[in-house]
Amino acid sequence: MAALDYIKSRGIAGDALASMGFGSYLIWREWPASRVFIDSRLDVYGGPFIEQYSLAMADTSRMRDLMGRLRIDYALIS
């Protein structure tokens, strides 16, 4: 994936806010240098967490609130 190649070429690592679809790929390719907020293993996260993520992805004010509460080093969003 070109976006992740770019991120790596700049020495960026750490906690990533990634789209659900990218989360599993990011874990496979970059763990433990990068950790993800969410991936496709929805049963691990539970309903309230998934709802929080979904609402934040659809609403910029909720996203600002979420990012204000979390440590996010970079984002990989589709």
PDB file of N, CA and C in Angstrom:
ATOM      1  N   MET A   1       0.843  -1.166   0.000  1.00  0.00           N
ATOM      2  CA  MET A   1       0.000   0.000   0.000  1.00  0.00           C
ATOM      3  C   MET A   1       0.895   1.238   0.000  1.00  0.00           C
ATOM      4  N   ALA A   2       0.683   2.095  -0.972  1.00  0.00           N
ATOM      5  CA  ALA A   2       1.536   3.273  -1.163  1.00  0.00           C
ATOM      6  C   ALA A   2       1.476   4.238   0.019  1.00  0.00           C
ATOM      7  N   ALA A   3       0.302   4.419   0.600  1.00  0.00           N
ATOM      8  CA  ALA A   3       0.185   5.345   1.730  1.00  0.00           C
ATOM      9  C   ALA A   3       1.040   4.882   2.901  1.00  0.00           C
ATOM     10  N   LEU A   4       1.023   3.596   3.193  1.00  0.00           N
ATOM     11  CA  LEU A   4       1.829   3.078   4.288  1.00  0.00           C
ATOM     12  C   LEU A   4       3.315   3.120   3.947  1.00  0.00           C
ATOM     13  N   ASP A   5       3.667   2.882   2.702  1.00  0.00           N
ATOM     14  CA  ASP A   5       5.065   3.031   2.278  1.00  0.00           C
ATOM     15  C   ASP A   5       5.539   4.453   2.532  1.00  0.00           C
ATOM     16  N   TYR A   6       4.700   5.439   2.222  1.00  0.00           N
ATOM     17  CA  TYR A   6       5.042   6.838   2.447  1.00  0.00           C
ATOM     18  C   TYR A   6       5.232   7.105   3.939  1.00  0.00           C
ATOM     19  N   ILE A   7       4.305   6.641   4.753  1.00  0.00           N
ATOM     20  CA  ILE A   7       4.385   6.821   6.201  1.00  0.00           C
ATOM     21  C   ILE A   7       5.695   6.242   6.732  1.00  0.00           C
ATOM     22  N   LYS A   8       6.010   5.030   6.330  1.00  0.00           N
ATOM     23  CA  LYS A   8       7.254   4.382   6.778  1.00  0.00           C
ATOM     24  C   LYS A   8       8.484   5.139   6.300  1.00  0.00           C
ATOM     25  N   SER A   9       8.461   5.655   5.065  1.00  0.00           N
ATOM     26  CA  SER A   9       9.626   6.350   4.526  1.00  0.00           C
ATOM     27  C   SER A   9       9.919   7.629   5.302  1.00  0.00           C
ATOM     28  N   ARG A  10       8.934   8.149   6.013  1.00  0.00           N
ATOM     29  CA  ARG A  10       9.115   9.353   6.819  1.00  0.00           C
ATOM     30  C   ARG A  10       9.430   9.016   8.280  1.00  0.00           C
ATOM     31  N   GLY A  11       9.546   7.730   8.606  1.00  0.00           N
ATOM     32  CA  GLY A  11       9.873   7.316   9.969  1.00  0.00           C
ATOM     33  C   GLY A  11       8.732   7.479  10.955  1.00  0.00           C
ATOM     34  N   ILE A  12       7.517   7.520  10.450  1.00  0.00           N
ATOM     35  CA  ILE A  12       6.345   7.695  11.308  1.00  0.00           C
ATOM     36  C   ILE A  12       5.911   6.335  11.830  1.00  0.00           C
ATOM     37  N   ALA A  13       5.661   6.256  13.116  1.00  0.00           N
ATOM     38  CA  ALA A  13       5.176   5.035  13.758  1.00  0.00           C
ATOM     39  C   ALA A  13       4.395   5.453  14.999  1.00  0.00           C
ATOM     40  N   GLY A  14       3.811   4.494  15.666  1.00  0.00           N
ATOM     41  CA  GLY A  14       3.092   4.784  16.902  1.00  0.00           C
ATOM     42  C   GLY A  14       1.637   4.407  16.801  1.00  0.00           C
ATOM     43  N   ASP A  15       0.812   5.147  17.519  1.00  0.00           N
ATOM     44  CA  ASP A  15      -0.617   4.858  17.578  1.00  0.00           C
ATOM     45  C   ASP A  15      -1.321   5.445  16.360  1.00  0.00           C
ATOM     46  N   ALA A  16      -2.032   4.586  15.637  1.00  0.00           N
ATOM     47  CA  ALA A  16      -2.655   4.997  14.380  1.00  0.00           C
ATOM     48  C   ALA A  16      -4.176   4.958  14.485  1.00  0.00           C
ATOM     49  N   LEU A  17      -4.784   5.992  13.971  1.00  0.00           N
ATOM     50  CA  LEU A  17      -6.222   5.978  13.746  1.00  0.00           C
ATOM     51  C   LEU A  17      -6.397   5.547  12.303  1.00  0.00           C
ATOM     52  N   ALA A  18      -6.821   4.336  12.103  1.00  0.00           N
ATOM     53  CA  ALA A  18      -6.950   3.777  10.759  1.00  0.00           C
ATOM     54  C   ALA A  18      -8.396   3.398  10.493  1.00  0.00           C
ATOM     55  N   SER A  19      -8.786   3.457   9.243  1.00  0.00           N
ATOM     56  CA  SER A  19     -10.088   2.923   8.861  1.00  0.00           C
ATOM     57  C   SER A  19     -10.131   1.452   9.238  1.00  0.00           C
ATOM     58  N   MET A  20     -11.314   0.971   9.526  1.00  0.00           N
ATOM     59  CA  MET A  20     -11.460  -0.420   9.946  1.00  0.00           C
ATOM     60  C   MET A  20     -10.797  -1.378   8.957  1.00  0.00           C
ATOM     61  N   GLY A  21     -10.952  -1.110   7.687  1.00  0.00           N
ATOM     62  CA  GLY A  21     -10.373  -1.967   6.661  1.00  0.00           C
ATOM     63  C   GLY A  21      -8.859  -1.953   6.635  1.00  0.00           C
ATOM     64  N   PHE A  22      -8.254  -0.826   7.010  1.00  0.00           N
ATOM     65  CA  PHE A  22      -6.799  -0.732   7.025  1.00  0.00           C
ATOM     66  C   PHE A  22      -6.184  -1.247   8.318  1.00  0.00           C
ATOM     67  N   GLY A  23      -6.974  -1.293   9.383  1.00  0.00           N
ATOM     68  CA  GLY A  23      -6.443  -1.673  10.689  1.00  0.00           C
ATOM     69  C   GLY A  23      -5.776  -3.028  10.707  1.00  0.00           C
ATOM     70  N   SER A  24      -6.432  -4.032  10.136  1.00  0.00           N
ATOM     71  CA  SER A  24      -5.859  -5.388  10.130  1.00  0.00           C
ATOM     72  C   SER A  24      -4.578  -5.442   9.308  1.00  0.00           C
ATOM     73  N   TYR A  25      -4.568  -4.746   8.177  1.00  0.00           N
ATOM     74  CA  TYR A  25      -3.377  -4.702   7.339  1.00  0.00           C
ATOM     75  C   TYR A  25      -2.236  -4.012   8.075  1.00  0.00           C
ATOM     76  N   LEU A  26      -2.547  -2.944   8.763  1.00  0.00           N
ATOM     77  CA  LEU A  26      -1.541  -2.214   9.521  1.00  0.00           C
ATOM     78  C   LEU A  26      -0.953  -3.088  10.630  1.00  0.00           C
ATOM     79  N   ILE A  27      -1.786  -3.832  11.315  1.00  0.00           N
ATOM     80  CA  ILE A  27      -1.299  -4.758  12.344  1.00  0.00           C
ATOM     81  C   ILE A  27      -0.372  -5.790  11.704  1.00  0.00           C
ATOM     82  N   TRP A  28      -0.795  -6.378  10.618  1.00  0.00           N
ATOM     83  CA  TRP A  28       0.007  -7.417   9.953  1.00  0.00           C
ATOM     84  C   TRP A  28       1.364  -6.881   9.516  1.00  0.00           C
ATOM     85  N   ARG A  29       1.356  -5.665   8.967  1.00  0.00           N
ATOM     86  CA  ARG A  29       2.592  -5.145   8.383  1.00  0.00           C
ATOM     87  C   ARG A  29       3.480  -4.389   9.369  1.00  0.00           C
ATOM     88  N   GLU A  30       2.915  -3.730  10.363  1.00  0.00           N
ATOM     89  CA  GLU A  30       3.697  -2.807  11.176  1.00  0.00           C
ATOM     90  C   GLU A  30       3.782  -3.106  12.665  1.00  0.00           C
ATOM     91  N   TRP A  31       3.035  -4.063  13.166  1.00  0.00           N
ATOM     92  CA  TRP A  31       3.107  -4.355  14.592  1.00  0.00           C
ATOM     93  C   TRP A  31       4.485  -4.897  14.922  1.00  0.00           C
ATOM     94  N   PRO A  32       5.132  -4.497  15.981  1.00  0.00           N
ATOM     95  CA  PRO A  32       4.675  -3.653  17.086  1.00  0.00           C
ATOM     96  C   PRO A  32       5.018  -2.174  16.950  1.00  0.00           C
ATOM     97  N   ALA A  33       5.622  -1.757  15.858  1.00  0.00           N
ATOM     98  CA  ALA A  33       5.993  -0.342  15.708  1.00  0.00           C
ATOM     99  C   ALA A  33       4.763   0.562  15.672  1.00  0.00           C
ATOM    100  N   SER A  34       3.664   0.074  15.136  1.00  0.00           N
ATOM    101  CA  SER A  34       2.424   0.838  15.093  1.00  0.00           C
ATOM    102  C   SER A  34       1.307   0.007  15.707  1.00  0.00           C
ATOM    103  N   ARG A  35       0.451   0.699  16.429  1.00  0.00           N
ATOM    104  CA  ARG A  35      -0.730   0.080  17.027  1.00  0.00           C
ATOM    105  C   ARG A  35      -1.952   0.776  16.457  1.00  0.00           C
ATOM    106  N   VAL A  36      -3.057   0.065  16.366  1.00  0.00           N
ATOM    107  CA  VAL A  36      -4.256   0.631  15.748  1.00  0.00           C
ATOM    108  C   VAL A  36      -5.348   0.886  16.774  1.00  0.00           C
ATOM    109  N   PHE A  37      -6.215   1.821  16.428  1.00  0.00           N
ATOM    110  CA  PHE A  37      -7.370   2.148  17.245  1.00  0.00           C
ATOM    111  C   PHE A  37      -8.453   1.088  17.081  1.00  0.00           C
ATOM    112  N   ILE A  38      -8.619   0.594  15.844  1.00  0.00           N
ATOM    113  CA  ILE A  38      -9.638  -0.413  15.548  1.00  0.00           C
ATOM    114  C   ILE A  38      -9.208  -1.202  14.315  1.00  0.00           C
ATOM    115  N   ASP A  39      -9.672  -2.442  14.232  1.00  0.00           N
ATOM    116  CA  ASP A  39      -9.454  -3.261  13.044  1.00  0.00           C
ATOM    117  C   ASP A  39     -10.715  -4.080  12.794  1.00  0.00           C
ATOM    118  N   SER A  40     -10.633  -5.074  11.942  1.00  0.00           N
ATOM    119  CA  SER A  40     -11.834  -5.805  11.534  1.00  0.00           C
ATOM    120  C   SER A  40     -12.315  -6.846  12.548  1.00  0.00           C
ATOM    121  N   ARG A  41     -11.625  -7.027  13.647  1.00  0.00           N
ATOM    122  CA  ARG A  41     -12.059  -8.001  14.665  1.00  0.00           C
ATOM    123  C   ARG A  41     -13.101  -7.358  15.583  1.00  0.00           C
ATOM    124  N   LEU A  42     -14.274  -7.100  15.069  1.00  0.00           N
ATOM    125  CA  LEU A  42     -15.279  -6.328  15.783  1.00  0.00           C
ATOM    126  C   LEU A  42     -15.716  -6.973  17.087  1.00  0.00           C
ATOM    127  N   ASP A  43     -15.704  -8.295  17.161  1.00  0.00           N
ATOM    128  CA  ASP A  43     -16.109  -8.966  18.392  1.00  0.00           C
ATOM    129  C   ASP A  43     -15.175  -8.630  19.555  1.00  0.00           C
ATOM    130  N   VAL A  44     -13.947  -8.229  19.278  1.00  0.00           N
ATOM    131  CA  VAL A  44     -12.990  -7.872  20.320  1.00  0.00           C
ATOM    132  C   VAL A  44     -13.349  -6.519  20.941  1.00  0.00           C
ATOM    133  N   TYR A  45     -13.878  -5.621  20.154  1.00  0.00           N
ATOM    134  CA  TYR A  45     -14.105  -4.246  20.598  1.00  0.00           C
ATOM    135  C   TYR A  45     -15.441  -4.025  21.295  1.00  0.00           C
ATOM    136  N   GLY A  46     -16.475  -4.675  20.843  1.00  0.00           N
ATOM    137  CA  GLY A  46     -17.788  -4.513  21.457  1.00  0.00           C
ATOM    138  C   GLY A  46     -18.593  -3.368  20.863  1.00  0.00           C
ATOM    139  N   GLY A  47     -19.900  -3.454  21.038  1.00  0.00           N
ATOM    140  CA  GLY A  47     -20.838  -2.523  20.442  1.00  0.00           C
ATOM    141  C   GLY A  47     -20.620  -1.050  20.772  1.00  0.00           C
ATOM    142  N   PRO A  48     -20.494  -0.668  22.049  1.00  0.00           N
ATOM    143  CA  PRO A  48     -20.331   0.750  22.375  1.00  0.00           C
ATOM    144  C   PRO A  48     -19.073   1.371  21.746  1.00  0.00           C
ATOM    145  N   PHE A  49     -17.991   0.639  21.724  1.00  0.00           N
ATOM    146  CA  PHE A  49     -16.749   1.139  21.125  1.00  0.00           C
ATOM    147  C   PHE A  49     -16.915   1.327  19.618  1.00  0.00           C
ATOM    148  N   ILE A  50     -17.536   0.357  18.961  1.00  0.00           N
ATOM    149  CA  ILE A  50     -17.754   0.436  17.514  1.00  0.00           C
ATOM    150  C   ILE A  50     -18.695   1.593  17.186  1.00  0.00           C
ATOM    151  N   GLU A  51     -19.704   1.788  18.012  1.00  0.00           N
ATOM    152  CA  GLU A  51     -20.613   2.906  17.799  1.00  0.00           C
ATOM    153  C   GLU A  51     -19.870   4.240  17.935  1.00  0.00           C
ATOM    154  N   GLN A  52     -19.019   4.368  18.939  1.00  0.00           N
ATOM    155  CA  GLN A  52     -18.224   5.581  19.131  1.00  0.00           C
ATOM    156  C   GLN A  52     -17.350   5.847  17.905  1.00  0.00           C
ATOM    157  N   TYR A  53     -16.695   4.811  17.400  1.00  0.00           N
ATOM    158  CA  TYR A  53     -15.850   4.936  16.210  1.00  0.00           C
ATOM    159  C   TYR A  53     -16.685   5.356  14.994  1.00  0.00           C
ATOM    160  N   SER A  54     -17.804   4.694  14.774  1.00  0.00           N
ATOM    161  CA  SER A  54     -18.654   4.980  13.609  1.00  0.00           C
ATOM    162  C   SER A  54     -19.189   6.408  13.643  1.00  0.00           C
ATOM    163  N   LEU A  55     -19.628   6.853  14.796  1.00  0.00           N
ATOM    164  CA  LEU A  55     -20.137   8.218  14.919  1.00  0.00           C
ATOM    165  C   LEU A  55     -19.028   9.241  14.670  1.00  0.00           C
ATOM    166  N   ALA A  56     -17.837   8.980  15.176  1.00  0.00           N
ATOM    167  CA  ALA A  56     -16.713   9.896  14.974  1.00  0.00           C
ATOM    168  C   ALA A  56     -16.300   9.951  13.508  1.00  0.00           C
ATOM    169  N   MET A  57     -16.362   8.830  12.812  1.00  0.00           N
ATOM    170  CA  MET A  57     -15.984   8.815  11.399  1.00  0.00           C
ATOM    171  C   MET A  57     -16.972   9.604  10.539  1.00  0.00           C
ATOM    172  N   ALA A  58     -18.184   9.812  11.035  1.00  0.00           N
ATOM    173  CA  ALA A  58     -19.217  10.507  10.266  1.00  0.00           C
ATOM    174  C   ALA A  58     -19.433  11.957  10.705  1.00  0.00           C
ATOM    175  N   ASP A  59     -18.785  12.381  11.789  1.00  0.00           N
ATOM    176  CA  ASP A  59     -19.059  13.696  12.347  1.00  0.00           C
ATOM    177  C   ASP A  59     -17.757  14.319  12.843  1.00  0.00           C
ATOM    178  N   THR A  60     -17.354  15.432  12.233  1.00  0.00           N
ATOM    179  CA  THR A  60     -16.054  16.029  12.575  1.00  0.00           C
ATOM    180  C   THR A  60     -15.969  16.484  14.022  1.00  0.00           C
ATOM    181  N   SER A  61     -17.062  16.953  14.608  1.00  0.00           N
ATOM    182  CA  SER A  61     -16.989  17.378  16.011  1.00  0.00           C
ATOM    183  C   SER A  61     -16.777  16.181  16.931  1.00  0.00           C
ATOM    184  N   ARG A  62     -17.401  15.063  16.620  1.00  0.00           N
ATOM    185  CA  ARG A  62     -17.164  13.846  17.409  1.00  0.00           C
ATOM    186  C   ARG A  62     -15.738  13.334  17.209  1.00  0.00           C
ATOM    187  N   MET A  63     -15.218  13.489  15.992  1.00  0.00           N
ATOM    188  CA  MET A  63     -13.845  13.070  15.729  1.00  0.00           C
ATOM    189  C   MET A  63     -12.862  13.923  16.533  1.00  0.00           C
ATOM    190  N   ARG A  64     -13.090  15.240  16.570  1.00  0.00           N
ATOM    191  CA  ARG A  64     -12.233  16.127  17.364  1.00  0.00           C
ATOM    192  C   ARG A  64     -12.251  15.706  18.827  1.00  0.00           C
ATOM    193  N   ASP A  65     -13.428  15.408  19.342  1.00  0.00           N
ATOM    194  CA  ASP A  65     -13.558  14.968  20.731  1.00  0.00           C
ATOM    195  C   ASP A  65     -12.799  13.668  20.966  1.00  0.00           C
ATOM    196  N   LEU A  66     -12.970  12.712  20.070  1.00  0.00           N
ATOM    197  CA  LEU A  66     -12.286  11.421  20.185  1.00  0.00           C
ATOM    198  C   LEU A  66     -10.775  11.609  20.166  1.00  0.00           C
ATOM    199  N   MET A  67     -10.282  12.395  19.225  1.00  0.00           N
ATOM    200  CA  MET A  67      -8.839  12.601  19.108  1.00  0.00           C
ATOM    201  C   MET A  67      -8.283  13.407  20.278  1.00  0.00           C
ATOM    202  N   GLY A  68      -9.117  14.211  20.909  1.00  0.00           N
ATOM    203  CA  GLY A  68      -8.689  14.942  22.095  1.00  0.00           C
ATOM    204  C   GLY A  68      -8.515  14.041  23.306  1.00  0.00           C
ATOM    205  N   ARG A  69      -9.192  12.892  23.287  1.00  0.00           N
ATOM    206  CA  ARG A  69      -9.107  11.956  24.409  1.00  0.00           C
ATOM    207  C   ARG A  69      -8.079  10.854  24.198  1.00  0.00           C
ATOM    208  N   LEU A  70      -7.618  10.689  22.982  1.00  0.00           N
ATOM    209  CA  LEU A  70      -6.696   9.597  22.658  1.00  0.00           C
ATOM    210  C   LEU A  70      -5.345  10.118  22.213  1.00  0.00           C
ATOM    211  N   ARG A  71      -4.346   9.276  22.309  1.00  0.00           N
ATOM    212  CA  ARG A  71      -3.050   9.601  21.724  1.00  0.00           C
ATOM    213  C   ARG A  71      -3.046   9.011  20.325  1.00  0.00           C
ATOM    214  N   ILE A  72      -2.989   9.862  19.327  1.00  0.00           N
ATOM    215  CA  ILE A  72      -2.954   9.445  17.932  1.00  0.00           C
ATOM    216  C   ILE A  72      -1.715  10.069  17.300  1.00  0.00           C
ATOM    217  N   ASP A  73      -0.818   9.236  16.787  1.00  0.00           N
ATOM    218  CA  ASP A  73       0.404   9.737  16.155  1.00  0.00           C
ATOM    219  C   ASP A  73       0.213   9.993  14.659  1.00  0.00           C
ATOM    220  N   TYR A  74      -0.646   9.218  14.027  1.00  0.00           N
ATOM    221  CA  TYR A  74      -0.939   9.431  12.619  1.00  0.00           C
ATOM    222  C   TYR A  74      -2.241   8.743  12.255  1.00  0.00           C
ATOM    223  N   ALA A  75      -2.794   9.120  11.100  1.00  0.00           N
ATOM    224  CA  ALA A  75      -4.062   8.546  10.638  1.00  0.00           C
ATOM    225  C   ALA A  75      -3.876   7.927   9.259  1.00  0.00           C
ATOM    226  N   LEU A  76      -4.556   6.836   9.042  1.00  0.00           N
ATOM    227  CA  LEU A  76      -4.579   6.148   7.752  1.00  0.00           C
ATOM    228  C   LEU A  76      -6.045   5.844   7.468  1.00  0.00           C
ATOM    229  N   ILE A  77      -6.694   6.784   6.796  1.00  0.00           N
ATOM    230  CA  ILE A  77      -8.144   6.734   6.587  1.00  0.00           C
ATOM    231  C   ILE A  77      -8.435   6.624   5.088  1.00  0.00           C
ATOM    232  N   SER A  78      -9.371   5.740   4.755  1.00  0.00           N
ATOM    233  CA  SER A  78      -9.759   5.605   3.345  1.00  0.00           C
ATOM    234  C   SER A  78     -10.692   6.714   2.936  1.00  0.00           C
TER     235      SER A  78
END
